[in-house]
Amino acid sequence: MKQFVSTFAALAALSLSAPAFAGGEGDCHFHGSTPAKAETVSGCAVKRQQQLIASGKLDKSWQAVKPAAPEQVDGQKGKEWKVTFKDAAATDKSKETLYMFFTPQGNFIAANFTGN
């Protein structure tokens, strides 16, 4: 009987706990040390792009710009993912290329037009 109660309690605890992989609903917030795949990072970059447009930090003209393939680069604190968006129609050439940086796990770090 003790074994049944212990097993039941363990199963109940596992089934009621939240997964520790993401913040939920695909919000691109990851825990743990598992590296993200390039496809995951690319999807998170597009979501972040849409958030920046919705908040007014990026012009609506960026809506149609697709990301280039993510690449891993050496950042200030080690490896990072870098995703590049290029708007060839940009009138301000200093803001023609948008760079986004993500941790190896896929968490957003920063976005800028300098690439640094």
PDB file of N, CA and C in Angstrom:
ATOM      1  N   MET A   1       0.818  -1.189   0.000  1.00  0.00           N
ATOM      2  CA  MET A   1       0.000   0.000   0.000  1.00  0.00           C
ATOM      3  C   MET A   1       0.867   1.261   0.000  1.00  0.00           C
ATOM      4  N   LYS A   2       1.978   1.238   0.789  1.00  0.00           N
ATOM      5  CA  LYS A   2       2.867   2.389   0.830  1.00  0.00           C
ATOM      6  C   LYS A   2       3.457   2.662  -0.552  1.00  0.00           C
ATOM      7  N   GLN A   3       3.788   1.587  -1.262  1.00  0.00           N
ATOM      8  CA  GLN A   3       4.378   1.748  -2.591  1.00  0.00           C
ATOM      9  C   GLN A   3       3.352   2.364  -3.549  1.00  0.00           C
ATOM     10  N   PHE A   4       2.097   1.961  -3.445  1.00  0.00           N
ATOM     11  CA  PHE A   4       1.047   2.508  -4.300  1.00  0.00           C
ATOM     12  C   PHE A   4       0.881   4.007  -4.049  1.00  0.00           C
ATOM     13  N   VAL A   5       0.847   4.399  -2.782  1.00  0.00           N
ATOM     14  CA  VAL A   5       0.680   5.807  -2.433  1.00  0.00           C
ATOM     15  C   VAL A   5       1.879   6.614  -2.929  1.00  0.00           C
ATOM     16  N   SER A   6       3.081   6.094  -2.746  1.00  0.00           N
ATOM     17  CA  SER A   6       4.286   6.790  -3.206  1.00  0.00           C
ATOM     18  C   SER A   6       4.286   6.950  -4.719  1.00  0.00           C
ATOM     19  N   THR A   7       3.927   5.885  -5.426  1.00  0.00           N
ATOM     20  CA  THR A   7       3.877   5.929  -6.888  1.00  0.00           C
ATOM     21  C   THR A   7       2.820   6.917  -7.354  1.00  0.00           C
ATOM     22  N   PHE A   8       1.644   6.873  -6.731  1.00  0.00           N
ATOM     23  CA  PHE A   8       0.564   7.788  -7.097  1.00  0.00           C
ATOM     24  C   PHE A   8       0.976   9.241  -6.854  1.00  0.00           C
ATOM     25  N   ALA A   9       1.617   9.512  -5.729  1.00  0.00           N
ATOM     26  CA  ALA A   9       2.047  10.875  -5.407  1.00  0.00           C
ATOM     27  C   ALA A   9       3.090  11.368  -6.411  1.00  0.00           C
ATOM     28  N   ALA A  10       4.012  10.504  -6.786  1.00  0.00           N
ATOM     29  CA  ALA A  10       5.039  10.887  -7.764  1.00  0.00           C
ATOM     30  C   ALA A  10       4.418  11.175  -9.124  1.00  0.00           C
ATOM     31  N   LEU A  11       3.496  10.337  -9.560  1.00  0.00           N
ATOM     32  CA  LEU A  11       2.832  10.558 -10.847  1.00  0.00           C
ATOM     33  C   LEU A  11       1.993  11.830 -10.831  1.00  0.00           C
ATOM     34  N   ALA A  12       1.327  12.084  -9.729  1.00  0.00           N
ATOM     35  CA  ALA A  12       0.517  13.298  -9.621  1.00  0.00           C
ATOM     36  C   ALA A  12       1.405  14.540  -9.687  1.00  0.00           C
ATOM     37  N   ALA A  13       2.535  14.499  -9.007  1.00  0.00           N
ATOM     38  CA  ALA A  13       3.450  15.642  -9.018  1.00  0.00           C
ATOM     39  C   ALA A  13       3.995  15.894 -10.419  1.00  0.00           C
ATOM     40  N   LEU A  14       4.342  14.837 -11.127  1.00  0.00           N
ATOM     41  CA  LEU A  14       4.864  14.990 -12.485  1.00  0.00           C
ATOM     42  C   LEU A  14       3.809  15.491 -13.455  1.00  0.00           C
ATOM     43  N   SER A  15       2.603  15.009 -13.316  1.00  0.00           N
ATOM     44  CA  SER A  15       1.558  15.404 -14.264  1.00  0.00           C
ATOM     45  C   SER A  15       1.064  16.826 -14.021  1.00  0.00           C
ATOM     46  N   LEU A  16       1.231  17.346 -12.826  1.00  0.00           N
ATOM     47  CA  LEU A  16       0.759  18.690 -12.514  1.00  0.00           C
ATOM     48  C   LEU A  16       1.831  19.759 -12.669  1.00  0.00           C
ATOM     49  N   SER A  17       3.085  19.338 -12.869  1.00  0.00           N
ATOM     50  CA  SER A  17       4.150  20.329 -13.001  1.00  0.00           C
ATOM     51  C   SER A  17       4.206  20.876 -14.418  1.00  0.00           C
ATOM     52  N   ALA A  18       4.627  22.123 -14.533  1.00  0.00           N
ATOM     53  CA  ALA A  18       4.736  22.772 -15.848  1.00  0.00           C
ATOM     54  C   ALA A  18       6.051  22.376 -16.502  1.00  0.00           C
ATOM     55  N   PRO A  19       6.061  22.238 -17.813  1.00  0.00           N
ATOM     56  CA  PRO A  19       7.318  21.926 -18.489  1.00  0.00           C
ATOM     57  C   PRO A  19       8.292  23.097 -18.374  1.00  0.00           C
ATOM     58  N   ALA A  20       9.574  22.790 -18.325  1.00  0.00           N
ATOM     59  CA  ALA A  20      10.594  23.823 -18.157  1.00  0.00           C
ATOM     60  C   ALA A  20      11.281  24.176 -19.462  1.00  0.00           C
ATOM     61  N   PHE A  21      10.657  23.892 -20.584  1.00  0.00           N
ATOM     62  CA  PHE A  21      11.297  24.127 -21.867  1.00  0.00           C
ATOM     63  C   PHE A  21      11.087  25.548 -22.368  1.00  0.00           C
ATOM     64  N   ALA A  22       9.904  26.076 -22.220  1.00  0.00           N
ATOM     65  CA  ALA A  22       9.615  27.398 -22.767  1.00  0.00           C
ATOM     66  C   ALA A  22       8.634  28.114 -21.864  1.00  0.00           C
ATOM     67  N   GLY A  23       8.494  29.397 -22.106  1.00  0.00           N
ATOM     68  CA  GLY A  23       7.601  30.209 -21.309  1.00  0.00           C
ATOM     69  C   GLY A  23       6.142  29.989 -21.648  1.00  0.00           C
ATOM     70  N   GLY A  24       5.852  29.225 -22.674  1.00  0.00           N
ATOM     71  CA  GLY A  24       4.477  28.927 -23.029  1.00  0.00           C
ATOM     72  C   GLY A  24       4.034  29.629 -24.290  1.00  0.00           C
ATOM     73  N   GLU A  25       3.123  29.002 -25.016  1.00  0.00           N
ATOM     74  CA  GLU A  25       2.519  29.584 -26.208  1.00  0.00           C
ATOM     75  C   GLU A  25       3.552  30.000 -27.246  1.00  0.00           C
ATOM     76  N   GLY A  26       4.692  29.330 -27.276  1.00  0.00           N
ATOM     77  CA  GLY A  26       5.682  29.623 -28.295  1.00  0.00           C
ATOM     78  C   GLY A  26       6.272  31.018 -28.205  1.00  0.00           C
ATOM     79  N   ASP A  27       6.496  31.514 -26.982  1.00  0.00           N
ATOM     80  CA  ASP A  27       6.991  32.880 -26.836  1.00  0.00           C
ATOM     81  C   ASP A  27       8.503  32.984 -26.946  1.00  0.00           C
ATOM     82  N   CYS A  28       9.158  31.904 -27.295  1.00  0.00           N
ATOM     83  CA  CYS A  28      10.608  31.910 -27.533  1.00  0.00           C
ATOM     84  C   CYS A  28      11.407  32.256 -26.281  1.00  0.00           C
ATOM     85  N   HIS A  29      11.001  31.760 -25.157  1.00  0.00           N
ATOM     86  CA  HIS A  29      11.734  31.906 -23.904  1.00  0.00           C
ATOM     87  C   HIS A  29      12.083  30.503 -23.434  1.00  0.00           C
ATOM     88  N   PHE A  30      13.381  30.170 -23.463  1.00  0.00           N
ATOM     89  CA  PHE A  30      13.809  28.805 -23.209  1.00  0.00           C
ATOM     90  C   PHE A  30      14.652  28.710 -21.948  1.00  0.00           C
ATOM     91  N   HIS A  31      14.551  27.577 -21.283  1.00  0.00           N
ATOM     92  CA  HIS A  31      15.337  27.288 -20.086  1.00  0.00           C
ATOM     93  C   HIS A  31      16.232  26.098 -20.377  1.00  0.00           C
ATOM     94  N   GLY A  32      17.241  25.920 -19.562  1.00  0.00           N
ATOM     95  CA  GLY A  32      18.135  24.789 -19.742  1.00  0.00           C
ATOM     96  C   GLY A  32      19.303  25.153 -20.637  1.00  0.00           C
ATOM     97  N   SER A  33      20.077  24.139 -20.998  1.00  0.00           N
ATOM     98  CA  SER A  33      21.283  24.392 -21.788  1.00  0.00           C
ATOM     99  C   SER A  33      21.235  23.745 -23.166  1.00  0.00           C
ATOM    100  N   THR A  34      20.092  23.218 -23.557  1.00  0.00           N
ATOM    101  CA  THR A  34      19.975  22.576 -24.861  1.00  0.00           C
ATOM    102  C   THR A  34      20.041  23.632 -25.959  1.00  0.00           C
ATOM    103  N   PRO A  35      21.002  23.503 -26.884  1.00  0.00           N
ATOM    104  CA  PRO A  35      21.101  24.486 -27.969  1.00  0.00           C
ATOM    105  C   PRO A  35      19.878  24.438 -28.881  1.00  0.00           C
ATOM    106  N   ALA A  36      19.457  25.597 -29.335  1.00  0.00           N
ATOM    107  CA  ALA A  36      18.319  25.688 -30.249  1.00  0.00           C
ATOM    108  C   ALA A  36      18.773  25.363 -31.666  1.00  0.00           C
ATOM    109  N   LYS A  37      17.849  24.850 -32.457  1.00  0.00           N
ATOM    110  CA  LYS A  37      18.121  24.598 -33.869  1.00  0.00           C
ATOM    111  C   LYS A  37      17.978  25.911 -34.631  1.00  0.00           C
ATOM    112  N   ALA A  38      18.622  25.992 -35.776  1.00  0.00           N
ATOM    113  CA  ALA A  38      18.571  27.204 -36.601  1.00  0.00           C
ATOM    114  C   ALA A  38      17.136  27.564 -36.962  1.00  0.00           C
ATOM    115  N   GLU A  39      16.301  26.561 -37.231  1.00  0.00           N
ATOM    116  CA  GLU A  39      14.902  26.816 -37.597  1.00  0.00           C
ATOM    117  C   GLU A  39      14.143  27.472 -36.449  1.00  0.00           C
ATOM    118  N   THR A  40      14.432  27.044 -35.234  1.00  0.00           N
ATOM    119  CA  THR A  40      13.784  27.618 -34.052  1.00  0.00           C
ATOM    120  C   THR A  40      14.182  29.077 -33.888  1.00  0.00           C
ATOM    121  N   VAL A  41      15.471  29.349 -34.032  1.00  0.00           N
ATOM    122  CA  VAL A  41      15.969  30.717 -33.887  1.00  0.00           C
ATOM    123  C   VAL A  41      15.379  31.613 -34.973  1.00  0.00           C
ATOM    124  N   SER A  42      15.297  31.104 -36.187  1.00  0.00           N
ATOM    125  CA  SER A  42      14.717  31.879 -37.287  1.00  0.00           C
ATOM    126  C   SER A  42      13.257  32.229 -36.996  1.00  0.00           C
ATOM    127  N   GLY A  43      12.499  31.262 -36.489  1.00  0.00           N
ATOM    128  CA  GLY A  43      11.100  31.506 -36.128  1.00  0.00           C
ATOM    129  C   GLY A  43      10.973  32.529 -35.014  1.00  0.00           C
ATOM    130  N   CYS A  44      11.865  32.451 -34.036  1.00  0.00           N
ATOM    131  CA  CYS A  44      11.846  33.422 -32.936  1.00  0.00           C
ATOM    132  C   CYS A  44      12.223  34.817 -33.434  1.00  0.00           C
ATOM    133  N   ALA A  45      13.125  34.884 -34.404  1.00  0.00           N
ATOM    134  CA  ALA A  45      13.515  36.179 -34.968  1.00  0.00           C
ATOM    135  C   ALA A  45      12.336  36.831 -35.682  1.00  0.00           C
ATOM    136  N   VAL A  46      11.566  36.037 -36.409  1.00  0.00           N
ATOM    137  CA  VAL A  46      10.388  36.578 -37.101  1.00  0.00           C
ATOM    138  C   VAL A  46       9.365  37.072 -36.082  1.00  0.00           C
ATOM    139  N   LYS A  47       9.164  36.315 -35.003  1.00  0.00           N
ATOM    140  CA  LYS A  47       8.229  36.753 -33.958  1.00  0.00           C
ATOM    141  C   LYS A  47       8.699  38.061 -33.325  1.00  0.00           C
ATOM    142  N   ARG A  48      10.000  38.165 -33.067  1.00  0.00           N
ATOM    143  CA  ARG A  48      10.551  39.390 -32.475  1.00  0.00           C
ATOM    144  C   ARG A  48      10.415  40.553 -33.459  1.00  0.00           C
ATOM    145  N   GLN A  49      10.636  40.288 -34.743  1.00  0.00           N
ATOM    146  CA  GLN A  49      10.458  41.310 -35.781  1.00  0.00           C
ATOM    147  C   GLN A  49       9.026  41.856 -35.735  1.00  0.00           C
ATOM    148  N   GLN A  50       8.061  40.964 -35.651  1.00  0.00           N
ATOM    149  CA  GLN A  50       6.656  41.385 -35.609  1.00  0.00           C
ATOM    150  C   GLN A  50       6.351  42.193 -34.344  1.00  0.00           C
ATOM    151  N   GLN A  51       6.962  41.808 -33.222  1.00  0.00           N
ATOM    152  CA  GLN A  51       6.775  42.559 -31.976  1.00  0.00           C
ATOM    153  C   GLN A  51       7.353  43.968 -32.092  1.00  0.00           C
ATOM    154  N   LEU A  52       8.522  44.079 -32.724  1.00  0.00           N
ATOM    155  CA  LEU A  52       9.151  45.391 -32.893  1.00  0.00           C
ATOM    156  C   LEU A  52       8.321  46.285 -33.815  1.00  0.00           C
ATOM    157  N   ILE A  53       7.715  45.693 -34.831  1.00  0.00           N
ATOM    158  CA  ILE A  53       6.843  46.452 -35.731  1.00  0.00           C
ATOM    159  C   ILE A  53       5.588  46.902 -34.980  1.00  0.00           C
ATOM    160  N   ALA A  54       4.985  45.986 -34.231  1.00  0.00           N
ATOM    161  CA  ALA A  54       3.755  46.299 -33.488  1.00  0.00           C
ATOM    162  C   ALA A  54       3.985  47.394 -32.445  1.00  0.00           C
ATOM    163  N   SER A  55       5.178  47.414 -31.849  1.00  0.00           N
ATOM    164  CA  SER A  55       5.472  48.421 -30.821  1.00  0.00           C
ATOM    165  C   SER A  55       5.945  49.747 -31.415  1.00  0.00           C
ATOM    166  N   GLY A  56       6.104  49.802 -32.735  1.00  0.00           N
ATOM    167  CA  GLY A  56       6.527  51.031 -33.390  1.00  0.00           C
ATOM    168  C   GLY A  56       8.028  51.243 -33.430  1.00  0.00           C
ATOM    169  N   LYS A  57       8.801  50.272 -32.962  1.00  0.00           N
ATOM    170  CA  LYS A  57      10.258  50.407 -32.974  1.00  0.00           C
ATOM    171  C   LYS A  57      10.841  50.122 -34.357  1.00  0.00           C
ATOM    172  N   LEU A  58      10.082  49.403 -35.173  1.00  0.00           N
ATOM    173  CA  LEU A  58      10.453  49.157 -36.569  1.00  0.00           C
ATOM    174  C   LEU A  58       9.324  49.647 -37.450  1.00  0.00           C
ATOM    175  N   ASP A  59       9.681  50.203 -38.585  1.00  0.00           N
ATOM    176  CA  ASP A  59       8.684  50.673 -39.544  1.00  0.00           C
ATOM    177  C   ASP A  59       7.911  49.490 -40.128  1.00  0.00           C
ATOM    178  N   LYS A  60       6.686  49.734 -40.529  1.00  0.00           N
ATOM    179  CA  LYS A  60       5.838  48.679 -41.096  1.00  0.00           C
ATOM    180  C   LYS A  60       6.415  48.102 -42.386  1.00  0.00           C
ATOM    181  N   SER A  61       7.312  48.829 -43.040  1.00  0.00           N
ATOM    182  CA  SER A  61       7.930  48.325 -44.268  1.00  0.00           C
ATOM    183  C   SER A  61       8.756  47.061 -44.020  1.00  0.00           C
ATOM    184  N   TRP A  62       9.144  46.824 -42.771  1.00  0.00           N
ATOM    185  CA  TRP A  62       9.911  45.625 -42.422  1.00  0.00           C
ATOM    186  C   TRP A  62       9.033  44.376 -42.397  1.00  0.00           C
ATOM    187  N   GLN A  63       7.738  44.556 -42.461  1.00  0.00           N
ATOM    188  CA  GLN A  63       6.790  43.438 -42.386  1.00  0.00           C
ATOM    189  C   GLN A  63       7.094  42.355 -43.427  1.00  0.00           C
ATOM    190  N   ALA A  64       7.457  42.756 -44.630  1.00  0.00           N
ATOM    191  CA  ALA A  64       7.669  41.801 -45.723  1.00  0.00           C
ATOM    192  C   ALA A  64       9.094  41.261 -45.793  1.00  0.00           C
ATOM    193  N   VAL A  65       9.991  41.773 -44.966  1.00  0.00           N
ATOM    194  CA  VAL A  65      11.394  41.363 -45.026  1.00  0.00           C
ATOM    195  C   VAL A  65      11.580  40.037 -44.292  1.00  0.00           C
ATOM    196  N   LYS A  66      12.162  39.087 -44.992  1.00  0.00           N
ATOM    197  CA  LYS A  66      12.402  37.752 -44.425  1.00  0.00           C
ATOM    198  C   LYS A  66      13.835  37.657 -43.909  1.00  0.00           C
ATOM    199  N   PRO A  67      14.073  36.824 -42.892  1.00  0.00           N
ATOM    200  CA  PRO A  67      15.432  36.702 -42.350  1.00  0.00           C
ATOM    201  C   PRO A  67      16.318  35.813 -43.219  1.00  0.00           C
ATOM    202  N   ALA A  68      17.609  36.112 -43.187  1.00  0.00           N
ATOM    203  CA  ALA A  68      18.598  35.214 -43.778  1.00  0.00           C
ATOM    204  C   ALA A  68      18.785  34.051 -42.807  1.00  0.00           C
ATOM    205  N   ALA A  69      19.483  33.037 -43.224  1.00  0.00           N
ATOM    206  CA  ALA A  69      19.725  31.879 -42.358  1.00  0.00           C
ATOM    207  C   ALA A  69      20.514  32.311 -41.122  1.00  0.00           C
ATOM    208  N   PRO A  70      20.101  31.860 -39.942  1.00  0.00           N
ATOM    209  CA  PRO A  70      20.840  32.198 -38.721  1.00  0.00           C
ATOM    210  C   PRO A  70      22.257  31.638 -38.772  1.00  0.00           C
ATOM    211  N   GLU A  71      23.179  32.370 -38.179  1.00  0.00           N
ATOM    212  CA  GLU A  71      24.557  31.892 -38.104  1.00  0.00           C
ATOM    213  C   GLU A  71      25.060  32.048 -36.680  1.00  0.00           C
ATOM    214  N   GLN A  72      25.952  31.152 -36.281  1.00  0.00           N
ATOM    215  CA  GLN A  72      26.527  31.260 -34.945  1.00  0.00           C
ATOM    216  C   GLN A  72      27.786  32.108 -35.025  1.00  0.00           C
ATOM    217  N   VAL A  73      27.890  33.059 -34.106  1.00  0.00           N
ATOM    218  CA  VAL A  73      29.030  33.969 -34.057  1.00  0.00           C
ATOM    219  C   VAL A  73      29.574  34.007 -32.632  1.00  0.00           C
ATOM    220  N   ASP A  74      30.778  34.537 -32.489  1.00  0.00           N
ATOM    221  CA  ASP A  74      31.360  34.725 -31.165  1.00  0.00           C
ATOM    222  C   ASP A  74      30.909  36.070 -30.625  1.00  0.00           C
ATOM    223  N   GLY A  75      30.124  36.036 -29.553  1.00  0.00           N
ATOM    224  CA  GLY A  75      29.637  37.256 -28.921  1.00  0.00           C
ATOM    225  C   GLY A  75      30.494  37.630 -27.731  1.00  0.00           C
ATOM    226  N   GLN A  76      30.053  38.622 -26.972  1.00  0.00           N
ATOM    227  CA  GLN A  76      30.794  39.085 -25.808  1.00  0.00           C
ATOM    228  C   GLN A  76      30.879  38.024 -24.718  1.00  0.00           C
ATOM    229  N   LYS A  77      29.864  37.174 -24.634  1.00  0.00           N
ATOM    230  CA  LYS A  77      29.835  36.157 -23.579  1.00  0.00           C
ATOM    231  C   LYS A  77      29.888  34.748 -24.147  1.00  0.00           C
ATOM    232  N   GLY A  78      30.458  34.589 -25.324  1.00  0.00           N
ATOM    233  CA  GLY A  78      30.546  33.269 -25.940  1.00  0.00           C
ATOM    234  C   GLY A  78      29.729  33.209 -27.219  1.00  0.00           C
ATOM    235  N   LYS A  79      29.356  32.011 -27.608  1.00  0.00           N
ATOM    236  CA  LYS A  79      28.613  31.808 -28.851  1.00  0.00           C
ATOM    237  C   LYS A  79      27.225  32.435 -28.771  1.00  0.00           C
ATOM    238  N   GLU A  80      26.793  32.985 -29.892  1.00  0.00           N
ATOM    239  CA  GLU A  80      25.450  33.558 -30.033  1.00  0.00           C
ATOM    240  C   GLU A  80      24.943  33.234 -31.428  1.00  0.00           C
ATOM    241  N   TRP A  81      23.634  33.256 -31.565  1.00  0.00           N
ATOM    242  CA  TRP A  81      23.020  33.191 -32.889  1.00  0.00           C
ATOM    243  C   TRP A  81      22.870  34.617 -33.395  1.00  0.00           C
ATOM    244  N   LYS A  82      23.175  34.835 -34.676  1.00  0.00           N
ATOM    245  CA  LYS A  82      22.945  36.137 -35.313  1.00  0.00           C
ATOM    246  C   LYS A  82      22.012  35.917 -36.497  1.00  0.00           C
ATOM    247  N   VAL A  83      20.922  36.679 -36.524  1.00  0.00           N
ATOM    248  CA  VAL A  83      19.948  36.609 -37.615  1.00  0.00           C
ATOM    249  C   VAL A  83      19.923  37.977 -38.285  1.00  0.00           C
ATOM    250  N   THR A  84      20.023  37.979 -39.604  1.00  0.00           N
ATOM    251  CA  THR A  84      20.089  39.218 -40.369  1.00  0.00           C
ATOM    252  C   THR A  84      18.847  39.390 -41.237  1.00  0.00           C
ATOM    253  N   PHE A  85      18.274  40.577 -41.194  1.00  0.00           N
ATOM    254  CA  PHE A  85      17.166  40.967 -42.070  1.00  0.00           C
ATOM    255  C   PHE A  85      17.696  42.105 -42.940  1.00  0.00           C
ATOM    256  N   LYS A  86      17.514  42.016 -44.245  1.00  0.00           N
ATOM    257  CA  LYS A  86      18.003  43.074 -45.137  1.00  0.00           C
ATOM    258  C   LYS A  86      16.841  43.661 -45.925  1.00  0.00           C
ATOM    259  N   ASP A  87      16.632  44.973 -45.750  1.00  0.00           N
ATOM    260  CA  ASP A  87      15.581  45.700 -46.459  1.00  0.00           C
ATOM    261  C   ASP A  87      16.235  46.522 -47.566  1.00  0.00           C
ATOM    262  N   ALA A  88      16.296  45.961 -48.760  1.00  0.00           N
ATOM    263  CA  ALA A  88      16.951  46.625 -49.889  1.00  0.00           C
ATOM    264  C   ALA A  88      16.259  47.929 -50.266  1.00  0.00           C
ATOM    265  N   ALA A  89      14.994  48.085 -49.902  1.00  0.00           N
ATOM    266  CA  ALA A  89      14.236  49.292 -50.249  1.00  0.00           C
ATOM    267  C   ALA A  89      14.385  50.403 -49.215  1.00  0.00           C
ATOM    268  N   ALA A  90      15.196  50.194 -48.195  1.00  0.00           N
ATOM    269  CA  ALA A  90      15.355  51.204 -47.138  1.00  0.00           C
ATOM    270  C   ALA A  90      15.959  52.483 -47.705  1.00  0.00           C
ATOM    271  N   THR A  91      15.377  53.613 -47.358  1.00  0.00           N
ATOM    272  CA  THR A  91      15.903  54.896 -47.833  1.00  0.00           C
ATOM    273  C   THR A  91      17.130  55.317 -47.030  1.00  0.00           C
ATOM    274  N   ASP A  92      17.154  54.989 -45.751  1.00  0.00           N
ATOM    275  CA  ASP A  92      18.308  55.265 -44.896  1.00  0.00           C
ATOM    276  C   ASP A  92      19.209  54.035 -44.942  1.00  0.00           C
ATOM    277  N   LYS A  93      20.316  54.124 -45.671  1.00  0.00           N
ATOM    278  CA  LYS A  93      21.195  52.963 -45.870  1.00  0.00           C
ATOM    279  C   LYS A  93      21.848  52.495 -44.569  1.00  0.00           C
ATOM    280  N   SER A  94      21.922  53.354 -43.559  1.00  0.00           N
ATOM    281  CA  SER A  94      22.486  52.925 -42.276  1.00  0.00           C
ATOM    282  C   SER A  94      21.514  52.015 -41.531  1.00  0.00           C
ATOM    283  N   LYS A  95      20.255  51.988 -41.997  1.00  0.00           N
ATOM    284  CA  LYS A  95      19.243  51.127 -41.377  1.00  0.00           C
ATOM    285  C   LYS A  95      18.696  50.122 -42.384  1.00  0.00           C
ATOM    286  N   GLU A  96      19.543  49.729 -43.313  1.00  0.00           N
ATOM    287  CA  GLU A  96      19.160  48.769 -44.344  1.00  0.00           C
ATOM    288  C   GLU A  96      19.200  47.329 -43.823  1.00  0.00           C
ATOM    289  N   THR A  97      20.081  47.075 -42.851  1.00  0.00           N
ATOM    290  CA  THR A  97      20.249  45.724 -42.323  1.00  0.00           C
ATOM    291  C   THR A  97      19.968  45.707 -40.828  1.00  0.00           C
ATOM    292  N   LEU A  98      19.036  44.861 -40.432  1.00  0.00           N
ATOM    293  CA  LEU A  98      18.684  44.679 -39.024  1.00  0.00           C
ATOM    294  C   LEU A  98      19.317  43.383 -38.540  1.00  0.00           C
ATOM    295  N   TYR A  99      20.006  43.456 -37.415  1.00  0.00           N
ATOM    296  CA  TYR A  99      20.643  42.286 -36.818  1.00  0.00           C
ATOM    297  C   TYR A  99      19.932  41.947 -35.516  1.00  0.00           C
ATOM    298  N   MET A 100      19.688  40.655 -35.316  1.00  0.00           N
ATOM    299  CA  MET A 100      19.133  40.180 -34.046  1.00  0.00           C
ATOM    300  C   MET A 100      20.071  39.125 -33.486  1.00  0.00           C
ATOM    301  N   PHE A 101      20.225  39.148 -32.182  1.00  0.00           N
ATOM    302  CA  PHE A 101      21.112  38.214 -31.509  1.00  0.00           C
ATOM    303  C   PHE A 101      20.329  37.395 -30.489  1.00  0.00           C
ATOM    304  N   PHE A 102      20.661  36.108 -30.428  1.00  0.00           N
ATOM    305  CA  PHE A 102      19.993  35.164 -29.536  1.00  0.00           C
ATOM    306  C   PHE A 102      21.042  34.312 -28.836  1.00  0.00           C
ATOM    307  N   THR A 103      20.714  33.849 -27.635  1.00  0.00           N
ATOM    308  CA  THR A 103      21.596  32.924 -26.927  1.00  0.00           C
ATOM    309  C   THR A 103      21.628  31.600 -27.686  1.00  0.00           C
ATOM    310  N   PRO A 104      22.585  30.741 -27.386  1.00  0.00           N
ATOM    311  CA  PRO A 104      22.610  29.427 -28.044  1.00  0.00           C
ATOM    312  C   PRO A 104      21.313  28.637 -27.822  1.00  0.00           C
ATOM    313  N   GLN A 105      20.605  28.913 -26.717  1.00  0.00           N
ATOM    314  CA  GLN A 105      19.347  28.226 -26.419  1.00  0.00           C
ATOM    315  C   GLN A 105      18.167  28.835 -27.170  1.00  0.00           C
ATOM    316  N   GLY A 106      18.336  30.031 -27.743  1.00  0.00           N
ATOM    317  CA  GLY A 106      17.274  30.661 -28.518  1.00  0.00           C
ATOM    318  C   GLY A 106      16.610  31.859 -27.874  1.00  0.00           C
ATOM    319  N   ASN A 107      17.121  32.319 -26.740  1.00  0.00           N
ATOM    320  CA  ASN A 107      16.545  33.495 -26.078  1.00  0.00           C
ATOM    321  C   ASN A 107      17.069  34.781 -26.721  1.00  0.00           C
ATOM    322  N   PHE A 108      16.179  35.738 -26.913  1.00  0.00           N
ATOM    323  CA  PHE A 108      16.532  37.018 -27.525  1.00  0.00           C
ATOM    324  C   PHE A 108      17.498  37.789 -26.641  1.00  0.00           C
ATOM    325  N   ILE A 109      18.528  38.375 -27.269  1.00  0.00           N
ATOM    326  CA  ILE A 109      19.487  39.221 -26.550  1.00  0.00           C
ATOM    327  C   ILE A 109      19.279  40.684 -26.937  1.00  0.00           C
ATOM    328  N   ALA A 110      19.387  40.972 -28.233  1.00  0.00           N
ATOM    329  CA  ALA A 110      19.299  42.362 -28.682  1.00  0.00           C
ATOM    330  C   ALA A 110      19.042  42.428 -30.179  1.00  0.00           C
ATOM    331  N   ALA A 111      18.618  43.617 -30.617  1.00  0.00           N
ATOM    332  CA  ALA A 111      18.456  43.902 -32.046  1.00  0.00           C
ATOM    333  C   ALA A 111      19.054  45.275 -32.307  1.00  0.00           C
ATOM    334  N   ASN A 112      19.761  45.410 -33.434  1.00  0.00           N
ATOM    335  CA  ASN A 112      20.333  46.710 -33.784  1.00  0.00           C
ATOM    336  C   ASN A 112      20.642  46.766 -35.273  1.00  0.00           C
ATOM    337  N   PHE A 113      21.079  47.919 -35.719  1.00  0.00           N
ATOM    338  CA  PHE A 113      21.435  48.105 -37.124  1.00  0.00           C
ATOM    339  C   PHE A 113      22.945  48.112 -37.334  1.00  0.00           C
ATOM    340  N   THR A 114      23.721  47.883 -36.275  1.00  0.00           N
ATOM    341  CA  THR A 114      25.182  47.925 -36.389  1.00  0.00           C
ATOM    342  C   THR A 114      25.808  46.548 -36.547  1.00  0.00           C
ATOM    343  N   GLY A 115      25.154  45.532 -36.038  1.00  0.00           N
ATOM    344  CA  GLY A 115      25.716  44.183 -36.102  1.00  0.00           C
ATOM    345  C   GLY A 115      26.651  43.869 -34.961  1.00  0.00           C
ATOM    346  N   ASN A 116      26.772  44.785 -34.003  1.00  0.00           N
ATOM    347  CA  ASN A 116      27.658  44.573 -32.846  1.00  0.00           C
ATOM    348  C   ASN A 116      26.856  44.296 -31.597  1.00  0.00           C
TER     349      ASN A 116
END
